[in-house]
Amino acid sequence: DPEHKVLSHSFVESPEMTNLYTGRVTTGAD
């Protein structure tokens, strides 16, 4: 509803300078 509402999310915080990497994979026959 872009004409009437806004959407807000908060940052993810950490005491370290942390980098995040994500993904998905399918294992083979082995």
ModelCIF file with pLDDT and N, C-alpha, C, O atoms, coordinates in Angstrom:
data_MODEL
#
_entry.id   MODEL 
#
_entity.id                         1 
_entity.type                       polymer 
_entity.pdbx_number_of_molecules   1 
#
_entity_poly.entity_id                      1 
_entity_poly.type                           'polypeptide(L)' 
_entity_poly.nstd_linkage                   no 
_entity_poly.nstd_monomer                   no 
_entity_poly.pdbx_seq_one_letter_code       DPEHKVLSHSFVESPEMTNLYTGRVTTGAD 
_entity_poly.pdbx_seq_one_letter_code_can   DPEHKVLSHSFVESPEMTNLYTGRVTTGAD 
_entity_poly.pdbx_strand_id                 A 
#
loop_
_entity_poly_seq.entity_id 
_entity_poly_seq.num 
_entity_poly_seq.mon_id 
_entity_poly_seq.hetero 
1 1  ASP n 
1 2  PRO n 
1 3  GLU n 
1 4  HIS n 
1 5  LYS n 
1 6  VAL n 
1 7  LEU n 
1 8  SER n 
1 9  HIS n 
1 10 SER n 
1 11 PHE n 
1 12 VAL n 
1 13 GLU n 
1 14 SER n 
1 15 PRO n 
1 16 GLU n 
1 17 MET n 
1 18 THR n 
1 19 ASN n 
1 20 LEU n 
1 21 TYR n 
1 22 THR n 
1 23 GLY n 
1 24 ARG n 
1 25 VAL n 
1 26 THR n 
1 27 THR n 
1 28 GLY n 
1 29 ALA n 
1 30 ASP n 
#
_struct_asym.id          A 
_struct_asym.entity_id   1 
#
loop_
_ma_qa_metric.id 
_ma_qa_metric.mode 
_ma_qa_metric.name 
_ma_qa_metric.software_group_id 
_ma_qa_metric.type 
1 global pLDDT . pLDDT 
2 local  pLDDT . pLDDT 
#
_ma_qa_metric_global.metric_id      1 
_ma_qa_metric_global.metric_value   92.97 
_ma_qa_metric_global.model_id       1 
_ma_qa_metric_global.ordinal_id     1 
#
loop_
_ma_qa_metric_local.label_asym_id 
_ma_qa_metric_local.label_comp_id 
_ma_qa_metric_local.label_seq_id 
_ma_qa_metric_local.metric_id 
_ma_qa_metric_local.metric_value 
_ma_qa_metric_local.model_id 
_ma_qa_metric_local.ordinal_id 
A ASP 1  2 94.00 1 1  
A PRO 2  2 92.00 1 2  
A GLU 3  2 93.00 1 3  
A HIS 4  2 93.00 1 4  
A LYS 5  2 94.00 1 5  
A VAL 6  2 90.00 1 6  
A LEU 7  2 88.00 1 7  
A SER 8  2 91.00 1 8  
A HIS 9  2 89.00 1 9  
A SER 10 2 90.00 1 10 
A PHE 11 2 87.00 1 11 
A VAL 12 2 89.00 1 12 
A GLU 13 2 89.00 1 13 
A SER 14 2 91.00 1 14 
A PRO 15 2 91.00 1 15 
A GLU 16 2 93.00 1 16 
A MET 17 2 93.00 1 17 
A THR 18 2 95.00 1 18 
A ASN 19 2 94.00 1 19 
A LEU 20 2 96.00 1 20 
A TYR 21 2 96.00 1 21 
A THR 22 2 96.00 1 22 
A GLY 23 2 96.00 1 23 
A ARG 24 2 96.00 1 24 
A VAL 25 2 96.00 1 25 
A THR 26 2 96.00 1 26 
A THR 27 2 96.00 1 27 
A GLY 28 2 95.00 1 28 
A ALA 29 2 95.00 1 29 
A ASP 30 2 95.00 1 30 
#
loop_
_atom_site.group_PDB 
_atom_site.id 
_atom_site.type_symbol 
_atom_site.label_atom_id 
_atom_site.label_alt_id 
_atom_site.label_comp_id 
_atom_site.label_asym_id 
_atom_site.label_entity_id 
_atom_site.label_seq_id 
_atom_site.pdbx_PDB_ins_code 
_atom_site.Cartn_x 
_atom_site.Cartn_y 
_atom_site.Cartn_z 
_atom_site.occupancy 
_atom_site.B_iso_or_equiv 
_atom_site.pdbx_formal_charge 
_atom_site.auth_seq_id 
_atom_site.auth_comp_id 
_atom_site.auth_asym_id 
_atom_site.auth_atom_id 
_atom_site.pdbx_PDB_model_num 
ATOM 1   N N  . ASP A 1 1  ? 0.855  -1.189  0.000  1.00 94.00 ? 1  ASP A N  1 
ATOM 2   C CA . ASP A 1 1  ? 0.000  0.000   0.000  1.00 94.00 ? 1  ASP A CA 1 
ATOM 3   C C  . ASP A 1 1  ? 0.890  1.238   0.000  1.00 94.00 ? 1  ASP A C  1 
ATOM 4   O O  . ASP A 1 1  ? 0.930  1.965   0.993  1.00 94.00 ? 1  ASP A O  1 
ATOM 5   N N  . PRO A 1 2  ? 1.610  1.492   -1.107 1.00 92.00 ? 2  PRO A N  1 
ATOM 6   C CA . PRO A 1 2  ? 2.601  2.570   -1.111 1.00 92.00 ? 2  PRO A CA 1 
ATOM 7   C C  . PRO A 1 2  ? 2.008  3.958   -0.971 1.00 92.00 ? 2  PRO A C  1 
ATOM 8   O O  . PRO A 1 2  ? 2.730  4.873   -0.576 1.00 92.00 ? 2  PRO A O  1 
ATOM 9   N N  . GLU A 1 3  ? 0.743  4.166   -1.270 1.00 93.00 ? 3  GLU A N  1 
ATOM 10  C CA . GLU A 1 3  ? 0.145  5.501   -1.190 1.00 93.00 ? 3  GLU A CA 1 
ATOM 11  C C  . GLU A 1 3  ? -0.297 5.866   0.217  1.00 93.00 ? 3  GLU A C  1 
ATOM 12  O O  . GLU A 1 3  ? -0.498 7.047   0.503  1.00 93.00 ? 3  GLU A O  1 
ATOM 13  N N  . HIS A 1 4  ? -0.455 4.885   1.111  1.00 93.00 ? 4  HIS A N  1 
ATOM 14  C CA . HIS A 1 4  ? -1.023 5.177   2.414  1.00 93.00 ? 4  HIS A CA 1 
ATOM 15  C C  . HIS A 1 4  ? -0.164 4.695   3.583  1.00 93.00 ? 4  HIS A C  1 
ATOM 16  O O  . HIS A 1 4  ? -0.406 5.117   4.714  1.00 93.00 ? 4  HIS A O  1 
ATOM 17  N N  . LYS A 1 5  ? 0.824  3.834   3.360  1.00 94.00 ? 5  LYS A N  1 
ATOM 18  C CA . LYS A 1 5  ? 1.586  3.273   4.459  1.00 94.00 ? 5  LYS A CA 1 
ATOM 19  C C  . LYS A 1 5  ? 3.074  3.285   4.143  1.00 94.00 ? 5  LYS A C  1 
ATOM 20  O O  . LYS A 1 5  ? 3.482  3.397   2.988  1.00 94.00 ? 5  LYS A O  1 
ATOM 21  N N  . VAL A 1 6  ? 3.882  3.164   5.210  1.00 90.00 ? 6  VAL A N  1 
ATOM 22  C CA . VAL A 1 6  ? 5.315  2.954   5.058  1.00 90.00 ? 6  VAL A CA 1 
ATOM 23  C C  . VAL A 1 6  ? 5.677  1.647   5.748  1.00 90.00 ? 6  VAL A C  1 
ATOM 24  O O  . VAL A 1 6  ? 4.929  1.156   6.594  1.00 90.00 ? 6  VAL A O  1 
ATOM 25  N N  . LEU A 1 7  ? 6.821  1.086   5.388  1.00 88.00 ? 7  LEU A N  1 
ATOM 26  C CA . LEU A 1 7  ? 7.327  -0.145  5.974  1.00 88.00 ? 7  LEU A CA 1 
ATOM 27  C C  . LEU A 1 7  ? 8.712  0.146   6.543  1.00 88.00 ? 7  LEU A C  1 
ATOM 28  O O  . LEU A 1 7  ? 9.556  0.718   5.854  1.00 88.00 ? 7  LEU A O  1 
ATOM 29  N N  . SER A 1 8  ? 8.952  -0.243  7.796  1.00 91.00 ? 8  SER A N  1 
ATOM 30  C CA . SER A 1 8  ? 10.223 0.019   8.453  1.00 91.00 ? 8  SER A CA 1 
ATOM 31  C C  . SER A 1 8  ? 10.808 -1.275  8.985  1.00 91.00 ? 8  SER A C  1 
ATOM 32  O O  . SER A 1 8  ? 10.081 -2.127  9.495  1.00 91.00 ? 8  SER A O  1 
ATOM 33  N N  . HIS A 1 9  ? 12.125 -1.425  8.866  1.00 89.00 ? 9  HIS A N  1 
ATOM 34  C CA . HIS A 1 9  ? 12.874 -2.538  9.445  1.00 89.00 ? 9  HIS A CA 1 
ATOM 35  C C  . HIS A 1 9  ? 14.055 -1.959  10.213 1.00 89.00 ? 9  HIS A C  1 
ATOM 36  O O  . HIS A 1 9  ? 14.553 -0.880  9.892  1.00 89.00 ? 9  HIS A O  1 
ATOM 37  N N  . SER A 1 10 ? 14.498 -2.697  11.239 1.00 90.00 ? 10 SER A N  1 
ATOM 38  C CA . SER A 1 10 ? 15.639 -2.262  12.026 1.00 90.00 ? 10 SER A CA 1 
ATOM 39  C C  . SER A 1 10 ? 16.922 -2.899  11.510 1.00 90.00 ? 10 SER A C  1 
ATOM 40  O O  . SER A 1 10 ? 16.896 -3.976  10.914 1.00 90.00 ? 10 SER A O  1 
ATOM 41  N N  . PHE A 1 11 ? 18.059 -2.216  11.746 1.00 87.00 ? 11 PHE A N  1 
ATOM 42  C CA . PHE A 1 11 ? 19.364 -2.774  11.423 1.00 87.00 ? 11 PHE A CA 1 
ATOM 43  C C  . PHE A 1 11 ? 19.636 -4.010  12.278 1.00 87.00 ? 11 PHE A C  1 
ATOM 44  O O  . PHE A 1 11 ? 19.073 -4.159  13.363 1.00 87.00 ? 11 PHE A O  1 
ATOM 45  N N  . VAL A 1 12 ? 20.507 -4.899  11.779 1.00 89.00 ? 12 VAL A N  1 
ATOM 46  C CA . VAL A 1 12 ? 21.047 -5.999  12.573 1.00 89.00 ? 12 VAL A CA 1 
ATOM 47  C C  . VAL A 1 12 ? 22.340 -5.507  13.226 1.00 89.00 ? 12 VAL A C  1 
ATOM 48  O O  . VAL A 1 12 ? 23.227 -5.018  12.526 1.00 89.00 ? 12 VAL A O  1 
ATOM 49  N N  . GLU A 1 13 ? 22.466 -5.625  14.546 1.00 89.00 ? 13 GLU A N  1 
ATOM 50  C CA . GLU A 1 13 ? 23.594 -5.074  15.272 1.00 89.00 ? 13 GLU A CA 1 
ATOM 51  C C  . GLU A 1 13 ? 24.502 -6.185  15.785 1.00 89.00 ? 13 GLU A C  1 
ATOM 52  O O  . GLU A 1 13 ? 24.053 -7.321  15.943 1.00 89.00 ? 13 GLU A O  1 
ATOM 53  N N  . SER A 1 14 ? 25.776 -5.877  16.049 1.00 91.00 ? 14 SER A N  1 
ATOM 54  C CA . SER A 1 14 ? 26.742 -6.848  16.556 1.00 91.00 ? 14 SER A CA 1 
ATOM 55  C C  . SER A 1 14 ? 27.867 -6.089  17.250 1.00 91.00 ? 14 SER A C  1 
ATOM 56  O O  . SER A 1 14 ? 28.214 -4.988  16.824 1.00 91.00 ? 14 SER A O  1 
ATOM 57  N N  . PRO A 1 15 ? 28.453 -6.659  18.322 1.00 91.00 ? 15 PRO A N  1 
ATOM 58  C CA . PRO A 1 15 ? 29.618 -6.006  18.946 1.00 91.00 ? 15 PRO A CA 1 
ATOM 59  C C  . PRO A 1 15 ? 30.870 -6.094  18.078 1.00 91.00 ? 15 PRO A C  1 
ATOM 60  O O  . PRO A 1 15 ? 31.831 -5.358  18.302 1.00 91.00 ? 15 PRO A O  1 
ATOM 61  N N  . GLU A 1 16 ? 30.866 -6.996  17.081 1.00 93.00 ? 16 GLU A N  1 
ATOM 62  C CA . GLU A 1 16 ? 31.986 -7.130  16.151 1.00 93.00 ? 16 GLU A CA 1 
ATOM 63  C C  . GLU A 1 16 ? 31.611 -6.504  14.818 1.00 93.00 ? 16 GLU A C  1 
ATOM 64  O O  . GLU A 1 16 ? 30.436 -6.253  14.552 1.00 93.00 ? 16 GLU A O  1 
ATOM 65  N N  . MET A 1 17 ? 32.632 -6.248  13.965 1.00 93.00 ? 17 MET A N  1 
ATOM 66  C CA . MET A 1 17 ? 32.376 -5.789  12.592 1.00 93.00 ? 17 MET A CA 1 
ATOM 67  C C  . MET A 1 17 ? 32.081 -7.018  11.743 1.00 93.00 ? 17 MET A C  1 
ATOM 68  O O  . MET A 1 17 ? 32.961 -7.526  11.048 1.00 93.00 ? 17 MET A O  1 
ATOM 69  N N  . THR A 1 18 ? 30.849 -7.489  11.803 1.00 95.00 ? 18 THR A N  1 
ATOM 70  C CA . THR A 1 18 ? 30.475 -8.774  11.221 1.00 95.00 ? 18 THR A CA 1 
ATOM 71  C C  . THR A 1 18 ? 29.913 -8.592  9.824  1.00 95.00 ? 18 THR A C  1 
ATOM 72  O O  . THR A 1 18 ? 29.080 -7.718  9.587  1.00 95.00 ? 18 THR A O  1 
ATOM 73  N N  . ASN A 1 19 ? 30.385 -9.444  8.880  1.00 94.00 ? 19 ASN A N  1 
ATOM 74  C CA . ASN A 1 19 ? 29.839 -9.521  7.525  1.00 94.00 ? 19 ASN A CA 1 
ATOM 75  C C  . ASN A 1 19 ? 29.005 -10.783 7.396  1.00 94.00 ? 19 ASN A C  1 
ATOM 76  O O  . ASN A 1 19 ? 29.356 -11.815 7.969  1.00 94.00 ? 19 ASN A O  1 
ATOM 77  N N  . LEU A 1 20 ? 27.898 -10.720 6.648  1.00 96.00 ? 20 LEU A N  1 
ATOM 78  C CA . LEU A 1 20 ? 26.997 -11.858 6.448  1.00 96.00 ? 20 LEU A CA 1 
ATOM 79  C C  . LEU A 1 20 ? 26.969 -12.227 4.971  1.00 96.00 ? 20 LEU A C  1 
ATOM 80  O O  . LEU A 1 20 ? 26.931 -11.359 4.099  1.00 96.00 ? 20 LEU A O  1 
ATOM 81  N N  . TYR A 1 21 ? 26.989 -13.568 4.699  1.00 96.00 ? 21 TYR A N  1 
ATOM 82  C CA . TYR A 1 21 ? 26.877 -14.093 3.335  1.00 96.00 ? 21 TYR A CA 1 
ATOM 83  C C  . TYR A 1 21 ? 25.880 -15.236 3.390  1.00 96.00 ? 21 TYR A C  1 
ATOM 84  O O  . TYR A 1 21 ? 25.993 -16.114 4.246  1.00 96.00 ? 21 TYR A O  1 
ATOM 85  N N  . THR A 1 22 ? 24.907 -15.238 2.491  1.00 96.00 ? 22 THR A N  1 
ATOM 86  C CA . THR A 1 22 ? 23.877 -16.276 2.508  1.00 96.00 ? 22 THR A CA 1 
ATOM 87  C C  . THR A 1 22 ? 23.693 -16.856 1.114  1.00 96.00 ? 22 THR A C  1 
ATOM 88  O O  . THR A 1 22 ? 24.105 -16.269 0.114  1.00 96.00 ? 22 THR A O  1 
ATOM 89  N N  . GLY A 1 23 ? 23.059 -18.034 1.074  1.00 96.00 ? 23 GLY A N  1 
ATOM 90  C CA . GLY A 1 23 ? 22.737 -18.673 -0.201 1.00 96.00 ? 23 GLY A CA 1 
ATOM 91  C C  . GLY A 1 23 ? 22.088 -20.020 0.024  1.00 96.00 ? 23 GLY A C  1 
ATOM 92  O O  . GLY A 1 23 ? 21.832 -20.414 1.162  1.00 96.00 ? 23 GLY A O  1 
ATOM 93  N N  . ARG A 1 24 ? 21.818 -20.734 -1.074 1.00 96.00 ? 24 ARG A N  1 
ATOM 94  C CA . ARG A 1 24 ? 21.263 -22.088 -0.995 1.00 96.00 ? 24 ARG A CA 1 
ATOM 95  C C  . ARG A 1 24 ? 21.889 -22.938 -2.084 1.00 96.00 ? 24 ARG A C  1 
ATOM 96  O O  . ARG A 1 24 ? 22.202 -22.439 -3.165 1.00 96.00 ? 24 ARG A O  1 
ATOM 97  N N  . VAL A 1 25 ? 22.071 -24.226 -1.801 1.00 96.00 ? 25 VAL A N  1 
ATOM 98  C CA . VAL A 1 25 ? 22.747 -25.145 -2.701 1.00 96.00 ? 25 VAL A CA 1 
ATOM 99  C C  . VAL A 1 25 ? 22.155 -26.542 -2.503 1.00 96.00 ? 25 VAL A C  1 
ATOM 100 O O  . VAL A 1 25 ? 21.629 -26.854 -1.435 1.00 96.00 ? 25 VAL A O  1 
ATOM 101 N N  . THR A 1 26 ? 22.244 -27.383 -3.547 1.00 96.00 ? 26 THR A N  1 
ATOM 102 C CA . THR A 1 26 ? 21.749 -28.760 -3.466 1.00 96.00 ? 26 THR A CA 1 
ATOM 103 C C  . THR A 1 26 ? 22.926 -29.718 -3.585 1.00 96.00 ? 26 THR A C  1 
ATOM 104 O O  . THR A 1 26 ? 23.730 -29.615 -4.511 1.00 96.00 ? 26 THR A O  1 
ATOM 105 N N  . THR A 1 27 ? 23.020 -30.639 -2.652 1.00 96.00 ? 27 THR A N  1 
ATOM 106 C CA . THR A 1 27 ? 24.118 -31.614 -2.681 1.00 96.00 ? 27 THR A CA 1 
ATOM 107 C C  . THR A 1 27 ? 23.907 -32.595 -3.838 1.00 96.00 ? 27 THR A C  1 
ATOM 108 O O  . THR A 1 27 ? 22.779 -32.883 -4.239 1.00 96.00 ? 27 THR A O  1 
ATOM 109 N N  . GLY A 1 28 ? 25.039 -33.102 -4.361 1.00 95.00 ? 28 GLY A N  1 
ATOM 110 C CA . GLY A 1 28 ? 24.977 -34.043 -5.479 1.00 95.00 ? 28 GLY A CA 1 
ATOM 111 C C  . GLY A 1 28 ? 24.729 -35.466 -5.020 1.00 95.00 ? 28 GLY A C  1 
ATOM 112 O O  . GLY A 1 28 ? 24.383 -35.734 -3.869 1.00 95.00 ? 28 GLY A O  1 
ATOM 113 N N  . ALA A 1 29 ? 24.929 -36.408 -6.016 1.00 95.00 ? 29 ALA A N  1 
ATOM 114 C CA . ALA A 1 29 ? 24.693 -37.826 -5.723 1.00 95.00 ? 29 ALA A CA 1 
ATOM 115 C C  . ALA A 1 29 ? 25.652 -38.344 -4.670 1.00 95.00 ? 29 ALA A C  1 
ATOM 116 O O  . ALA A 1 29 ? 25.353 -39.307 -3.964 1.00 95.00 ? 29 ALA A O  1 
ATOM 117 N N  . ASP A 1 30 ? 26.827 -37.690 -4.565 1.00 95.00 ? 30 ASP A N  1 
ATOM 118 C CA . ASP A 1 30 ? 27.795 -38.104 -3.536 1.00 95.00 ? 30 ASP A CA 1 
ATOM 119 C C  . ASP A 1 30 ? 27.554 -37.396 -2.215 1.00 95.00 ? 30 ASP A C  1 
ATOM 120 O O  . ASP A 1 30 ? 28.278 -37.631 -1.248 1.00 95.00 ? 30 ASP A O  1 
#
